[in-house]
């Protein structure tokens, strides 16, 4: 049975290594994006800036529907890092309410 556990762990490590290599390749490709692609990204960024928050959310959601599993994991990592830098992030997490950091208010019944 120990061999089976070691085999599973070995497979998980192999998968993790493949994903890491894929992440690295993606980052290298992003860094070496052609000048044309950089100009196109600039145009998209300009367009994105003029959208309302609701429109931005809809656009991002639509684009994320086309993402691969590797891209999804990449975005999750980036978003988690971005969220951890937000000063009020810990206050907005569900655990803050569970820990009693926010008092609960009862609505008066008339």
N, C-alpha and C. Protein backbone atom coordinates (compact mmCIF):
# COMPACT_ATOMS: atom_id res chain seq x y z
N UNK A 1 0.82 -1.20 0.00
CA UNK A 1 0.00 0.00 0.00
C UNK A 1 0.86 1.26 0.00
N UNK A 2 2.01 1.22 0.65
CA UNK A 2 2.90 2.37 0.66
C UNK A 2 3.37 2.69 -0.75
N UNK A 3 3.56 1.64 -1.56
CA UNK A 3 3.97 1.85 -2.95
C UNK A 3 2.90 2.60 -3.73
N UNK A 4 1.64 2.30 -3.49
CA UNK A 4 0.54 2.97 -4.18
C UNK A 4 0.51 4.45 -3.81
N UNK A 5 0.71 4.76 -2.53
CA UNK A 5 0.75 6.15 -2.08
C UNK A 5 1.91 6.91 -2.69
N UNK A 6 3.05 6.26 -2.76
CA UNK A 6 4.22 6.88 -3.36
C UNK A 6 4.00 7.10 -4.85
N UNK A 7 3.32 6.17 -5.49
CA UNK A 7 3.03 6.28 -6.92
C UNK A 7 2.11 7.48 -7.18
N UNK A 8 1.08 7.62 -6.35
CA UNK A 8 0.14 8.74 -6.50
C UNK A 8 0.87 10.05 -6.26
N UNK A 9 1.70 10.10 -5.22
CA UNK A 9 2.46 11.30 -4.92
C UNK A 9 3.40 11.63 -6.07
N UNK A 10 4.04 10.62 -6.63
CA UNK A 10 4.94 10.82 -7.76
C UNK A 10 4.19 11.38 -8.96
N UNK A 11 3.00 10.86 -9.22
CA UNK A 11 2.19 11.36 -10.33
C UNK A 11 1.77 12.81 -10.10
N UNK A 12 1.42 13.14 -8.86
CA UNK A 12 1.02 14.51 -8.53
C UNK A 12 2.20 15.46 -8.71
N UNK A 13 3.39 15.02 -8.30
CA UNK A 13 4.57 15.85 -8.46
C UNK A 13 4.90 16.05 -9.94
N UNK A 14 4.75 14.99 -10.72
CA UNK A 14 4.98 15.10 -12.16
C UNK A 14 4.01 16.09 -12.80
N UNK A 15 2.74 16.01 -12.40
CA UNK A 15 1.73 16.92 -12.92
C UNK A 15 2.04 18.36 -12.51
N UNK A 16 2.45 18.55 -11.28
CA UNK A 16 2.82 19.88 -10.78
C UNK A 16 3.99 20.43 -11.59
N UNK A 17 4.98 19.60 -11.87
CA UNK A 17 6.15 20.03 -12.64
C UNK A 17 5.75 20.41 -14.06
N UNK A 18 4.86 19.62 -14.68
CA UNK A 18 4.38 19.94 -16.04
C UNK A 18 3.65 21.28 -16.04
N UNK A 19 2.80 21.51 -15.03
CA UNK A 19 2.06 22.77 -14.95
C UNK A 19 3.01 23.95 -14.75
N UNK A 20 4.01 23.76 -13.91
CA UNK A 20 4.99 24.82 -13.66
C UNK A 20 5.74 25.16 -14.95
N UNK A 21 6.13 24.15 -15.70
CA UNK A 21 6.80 24.38 -16.98
C UNK A 21 5.88 25.11 -17.95
N UNK A 22 4.62 24.74 -17.93
CA UNK A 22 3.64 25.41 -18.79
C UNK A 22 3.48 26.87 -18.39
N UNK A 23 3.42 27.15 -17.07
CA UNK A 23 3.33 28.53 -16.60
C UNK A 23 4.54 29.33 -17.07
N UNK A 24 5.72 28.75 -16.91
CA UNK A 24 6.95 29.43 -17.30
C UNK A 24 6.95 29.73 -18.80
N UNK A 25 6.52 28.77 -19.60
CA UNK A 25 6.46 28.97 -21.04
C UNK A 25 5.48 30.08 -21.39
N UNK A 26 4.34 30.11 -20.70
CA UNK A 26 3.34 31.16 -20.95
C UNK A 26 3.91 32.53 -20.61
N UNK A 27 4.60 32.62 -19.47
CA UNK A 27 5.20 33.90 -19.08
C UNK A 27 6.25 34.35 -20.08
N UNK A 28 7.06 33.42 -20.57
CA UNK A 28 8.08 33.75 -21.57
C UNK A 28 7.43 34.24 -22.85
N UNK A 29 6.34 33.59 -23.26
CA UNK A 29 5.63 34.01 -24.46
C UNK A 29 5.03 35.40 -24.28
N UNK A 30 4.51 35.66 -23.08
CA UNK A 30 3.93 36.97 -22.81
C UNK A 30 5.02 38.04 -22.88
N UNK A 31 6.19 37.74 -22.34
CA UNK A 31 7.29 38.71 -22.32
C UNK A 31 7.80 39.01 -23.73
N UNK A 32 7.75 38.03 -24.61
CA UNK A 32 8.28 38.23 -25.95
C UNK A 32 7.18 38.53 -26.98
N UNK A 33 6.05 39.01 -26.50
CA UNK A 33 4.95 39.34 -27.41
C UNK A 33 5.43 40.36 -28.45
N UNK A 34 4.97 40.20 -29.65
CA UNK A 34 5.40 41.07 -30.74
C UNK A 34 4.91 42.50 -30.50
N UNK A 35 5.54 43.42 -31.20
CA UNK A 35 5.16 44.83 -31.09
C UNK A 35 3.71 45.02 -31.52
N UNK A 36 3.29 44.31 -32.56
CA UNK A 36 1.90 44.41 -33.02
C UNK A 36 0.94 44.00 -31.91
N UNK A 37 1.27 42.91 -31.23
CA UNK A 37 0.41 42.43 -30.15
C UNK A 37 0.36 43.45 -29.02
N UNK A 38 1.48 44.07 -28.71
CA UNK A 38 1.51 45.08 -27.66
C UNK A 38 0.64 46.28 -28.03
N UNK A 39 0.65 46.66 -29.30
CA UNK A 39 -0.20 47.76 -29.75
C UNK A 39 -1.67 47.38 -29.65
N UNK A 40 -1.98 46.14 -30.02
CA UNK A 40 -3.36 45.67 -29.92
C UNK A 40 -3.82 45.63 -28.47
N UNK A 41 -2.94 45.19 -27.59
CA UNK A 41 -3.29 45.18 -26.17
C UNK A 41 -3.52 46.60 -25.65
N UNK A 42 -2.75 47.55 -26.15
CA UNK A 42 -2.94 48.95 -25.76
C UNK A 42 -4.32 49.44 -26.18
N UNK A 43 -4.73 49.06 -27.39
CA UNK A 43 -6.06 49.47 -27.87
C UNK A 43 -7.16 48.83 -27.02
N UNK A 44 -6.99 47.56 -26.66
CA UNK A 44 -7.97 46.88 -25.80
C UNK A 44 -8.02 47.55 -24.44
N UNK A 45 -6.86 47.90 -23.91
CA UNK A 45 -6.81 48.55 -22.60
C UNK A 45 -7.51 49.90 -22.63
N UNK A 46 -7.29 50.66 -23.71
CA UNK A 46 -7.98 51.95 -23.86
C UNK A 46 -9.49 51.75 -23.89
N UNK A 47 -9.95 50.78 -24.66
CA UNK A 47 -11.38 50.48 -24.76
C UNK A 47 -11.92 50.08 -23.38
N UNK A 48 -11.16 49.27 -22.66
CA UNK A 48 -11.60 48.76 -21.37
C UNK A 48 -11.78 49.89 -20.36
N UNK A 49 -10.90 50.88 -20.43
CA UNK A 49 -10.95 51.99 -19.48
C UNK A 49 -12.24 52.79 -19.55
N UNK A 50 -12.86 52.85 -20.72
CA UNK A 50 -14.07 53.66 -20.86
C UNK A 50 -15.34 52.91 -20.48
N UNK A 51 -15.23 51.63 -20.22
CA UNK A 51 -16.40 50.84 -19.84
C UNK A 51 -16.81 51.11 -18.40
N UNK A 52 -18.08 50.91 -18.12
CA UNK A 52 -18.55 50.98 -16.74
C UNK A 52 -18.08 49.73 -16.00
N UNK A 53 -18.20 49.73 -14.71
CA UNK A 53 -17.80 48.55 -13.93
C UNK A 53 -18.60 47.32 -14.34
N UNK A 54 -19.89 47.49 -14.57
CA UNK A 54 -20.73 46.37 -14.98
C UNK A 54 -20.29 45.84 -16.35
N UNK A 55 -19.99 46.74 -17.27
CA UNK A 55 -19.53 46.33 -18.60
C UNK A 55 -18.18 45.62 -18.53
N UNK A 56 -17.29 46.14 -17.67
CA UNK A 56 -15.99 45.48 -17.49
C UNK A 56 -16.16 44.07 -16.95
N UNK A 57 -17.04 43.94 -15.97
CA UNK A 57 -17.29 42.63 -15.38
C UNK A 57 -17.82 41.65 -16.41
N UNK A 58 -18.77 42.11 -17.21
CA UNK A 58 -19.34 41.26 -18.26
C UNK A 58 -18.28 40.87 -19.29
N UNK A 59 -17.44 41.83 -19.68
CA UNK A 59 -16.39 41.54 -20.66
C UNK A 59 -15.38 40.54 -20.11
N UNK A 60 -14.94 40.74 -18.87
CA UNK A 60 -13.99 39.81 -18.27
C UNK A 60 -14.59 38.41 -18.13
N UNK A 61 -15.84 38.35 -17.70
CA UNK A 61 -16.50 37.06 -17.54
C UNK A 61 -16.58 36.33 -18.88
N UNK A 62 -16.95 37.05 -19.92
CA UNK A 62 -17.05 36.46 -21.25
C UNK A 62 -15.70 35.94 -21.72
N UNK A 63 -14.65 36.72 -21.52
CA UNK A 63 -13.31 36.29 -21.94
C UNK A 63 -12.83 35.09 -21.12
N UNK A 64 -13.12 35.08 -19.83
CA UNK A 64 -12.67 33.97 -18.99
C UNK A 64 -13.35 32.65 -19.37
N UNK A 65 -14.51 32.74 -20.00
CA UNK A 65 -15.18 31.52 -20.44
C UNK A 65 -14.37 30.79 -21.51
N UNK A 66 -13.46 31.51 -22.17
CA UNK A 66 -12.64 30.93 -23.23
C UNK A 66 -11.28 30.44 -22.72
N UNK A 67 -11.00 30.62 -21.43
CA UNK A 67 -9.69 30.29 -20.87
C UNK A 67 -9.49 28.78 -20.73
N UNK A 68 -8.24 28.36 -20.90
CA UNK A 68 -7.88 26.96 -20.67
C UNK A 68 -7.68 26.74 -19.17
N UNK A 69 -7.55 25.50 -18.76
CA UNK A 69 -7.32 25.19 -17.34
C UNK A 69 -6.03 25.83 -16.84
N UNK A 70 -5.00 25.81 -17.65
CA UNK A 70 -3.72 26.42 -17.25
C UNK A 70 -3.90 27.92 -17.08
N UNK A 71 -4.62 28.55 -18.00
CA UNK A 71 -4.87 29.99 -17.88
C UNK A 71 -5.70 30.30 -16.65
N UNK A 72 -6.68 29.47 -16.37
CA UNK A 72 -7.52 29.68 -15.18
C UNK A 72 -6.66 29.64 -13.93
N UNK A 73 -5.78 28.66 -13.83
CA UNK A 73 -4.90 28.59 -12.65
C UNK A 73 -3.97 29.79 -12.58
N UNK A 74 -3.48 30.23 -13.72
CA UNK A 74 -2.63 31.42 -13.76
C UNK A 74 -3.41 32.62 -13.23
N UNK A 75 -4.64 32.83 -13.74
CA UNK A 75 -5.44 33.97 -13.30
C UNK A 75 -5.81 33.87 -11.82
N UNK A 76 -6.10 32.66 -11.36
CA UNK A 76 -6.39 32.49 -9.93
C UNK A 76 -5.21 32.94 -9.08
N UNK A 77 -4.02 32.55 -9.48
CA UNK A 77 -2.82 32.94 -8.74
C UNK A 77 -2.65 34.45 -8.75
N UNK A 78 -2.80 35.07 -9.91
CA UNK A 78 -2.66 36.51 -10.03
C UNK A 78 -3.72 37.22 -9.19
N UNK A 79 -4.96 36.76 -9.28
CA UNK A 79 -6.05 37.39 -8.53
C UNK A 79 -5.86 37.24 -7.02
N UNK A 80 -5.38 36.08 -6.58
CA UNK A 80 -5.14 35.89 -5.15
C UNK A 80 -4.04 36.83 -4.66
N UNK A 81 -3.00 37.01 -5.47
CA UNK A 81 -1.93 37.93 -5.09
C UNK A 81 -2.44 39.36 -5.05
N UNK A 82 -3.26 39.73 -6.03
CA UNK A 82 -3.83 41.07 -6.05
C UNK A 82 -4.74 41.29 -4.84
N UNK A 83 -5.55 40.30 -4.53
CA UNK A 83 -6.48 40.43 -3.40
C UNK A 83 -5.74 40.53 -2.07
N UNK A 84 -4.63 39.84 -1.95
CA UNK A 84 -3.88 39.86 -0.69
C UNK A 84 -3.26 41.23 -0.44
N UNK A 85 -3.11 42.03 -1.47
CA UNK A 85 -2.53 43.37 -1.33
C UNK A 85 -3.58 44.42 -1.00
N UNK A 86 -4.85 44.05 -1.06
CA UNK A 86 -5.93 44.98 -0.78
C UNK A 86 -6.09 45.12 0.73
N UNK A 87 -5.96 46.33 1.28
CA UNK A 87 -5.99 46.51 2.73
C UNK A 87 -7.24 45.99 3.42
N UNK A 88 -8.39 46.11 2.79
CA UNK A 88 -9.62 45.69 3.45
C UNK A 88 -10.02 44.26 3.10
N UNK A 89 -9.19 43.57 2.34
CA UNK A 89 -9.54 42.23 1.90
C UNK A 89 -9.87 41.30 3.07
N UNK A 90 -9.08 41.36 4.14
CA UNK A 90 -9.33 40.48 5.28
C UNK A 90 -10.65 40.81 5.96
N UNK A 91 -11.08 42.06 5.86
CA UNK A 91 -12.36 42.44 6.48
C UNK A 91 -13.55 41.94 5.68
N UNK A 92 -13.37 41.77 4.38
CA UNK A 92 -14.48 41.38 3.52
C UNK A 92 -14.61 39.86 3.37
N UNK A 93 -13.69 39.12 3.94
CA UNK A 93 -13.75 37.67 3.81
C UNK A 93 -14.82 37.10 4.74
N UNK A 94 -15.41 35.97 4.37
CA UNK A 94 -16.44 35.35 5.21
C UNK A 94 -15.94 35.04 6.62
N UNK A 95 -14.65 34.76 6.75
CA UNK A 95 -14.13 34.42 8.08
C UNK A 95 -14.23 35.59 9.05
N UNK A 96 -14.20 36.82 8.54
CA UNK A 96 -14.33 37.99 9.42
C UNK A 96 -15.69 38.00 10.10
N UNK A 97 -16.71 37.61 9.37
CA UNK A 97 -18.05 37.57 9.96
C UNK A 97 -18.16 36.40 10.93
N UNK A 98 -17.52 35.29 10.59
CA UNK A 98 -17.55 34.12 11.46
C UNK A 98 -16.82 34.39 12.77
N UNK A 99 -15.76 35.20 12.71
CA UNK A 99 -14.97 35.51 13.91
C UNK A 99 -15.63 36.60 14.74
N UNK A 100 -16.72 37.16 14.24
CA UNK A 100 -17.43 38.18 15.00
C UNK A 100 -16.81 39.56 14.91
N UNK A 101 -16.02 39.82 13.85
CA UNK A 101 -15.42 41.14 13.70
C UNK A 101 -16.46 42.19 13.33
N UNK A 102 -17.59 41.74 12.80
CA UNK A 102 -18.66 42.64 12.46
C UNK A 102 -19.88 42.27 13.30
N UNK A 103 -20.46 43.22 13.99
CA UNK A 103 -21.67 42.90 14.75
C UNK A 103 -22.83 42.66 13.79
N UNK A 104 -23.68 41.75 14.16
CA UNK A 104 -24.86 41.54 13.35
C UNK A 104 -25.96 42.45 13.85
N UNK A 105 -26.70 42.97 12.95
CA UNK A 105 -27.79 43.90 13.31
C UNK A 105 -29.11 43.24 12.98
N UNK A 106 -30.03 43.41 13.86
CA UNK A 106 -31.37 42.89 13.60
C UNK A 106 -32.21 44.03 13.09
N UNK A 107 -32.99 43.73 12.09
CA UNK A 107 -33.89 44.73 11.53
C UNK A 107 -35.14 44.78 12.40
N UNK A 108 -35.47 46.00 12.78
CA UNK A 108 -36.67 46.19 13.62
C UNK A 108 -37.90 45.76 12.85
N UNK A 109 -38.76 45.04 13.53
CA UNK A 109 -40.00 44.62 12.91
C UNK A 109 -41.10 45.58 13.34
N UNK A 110 -41.76 46.15 12.40
CA UNK A 110 -42.80 47.12 12.70
C UNK A 110 -44.11 46.48 12.81
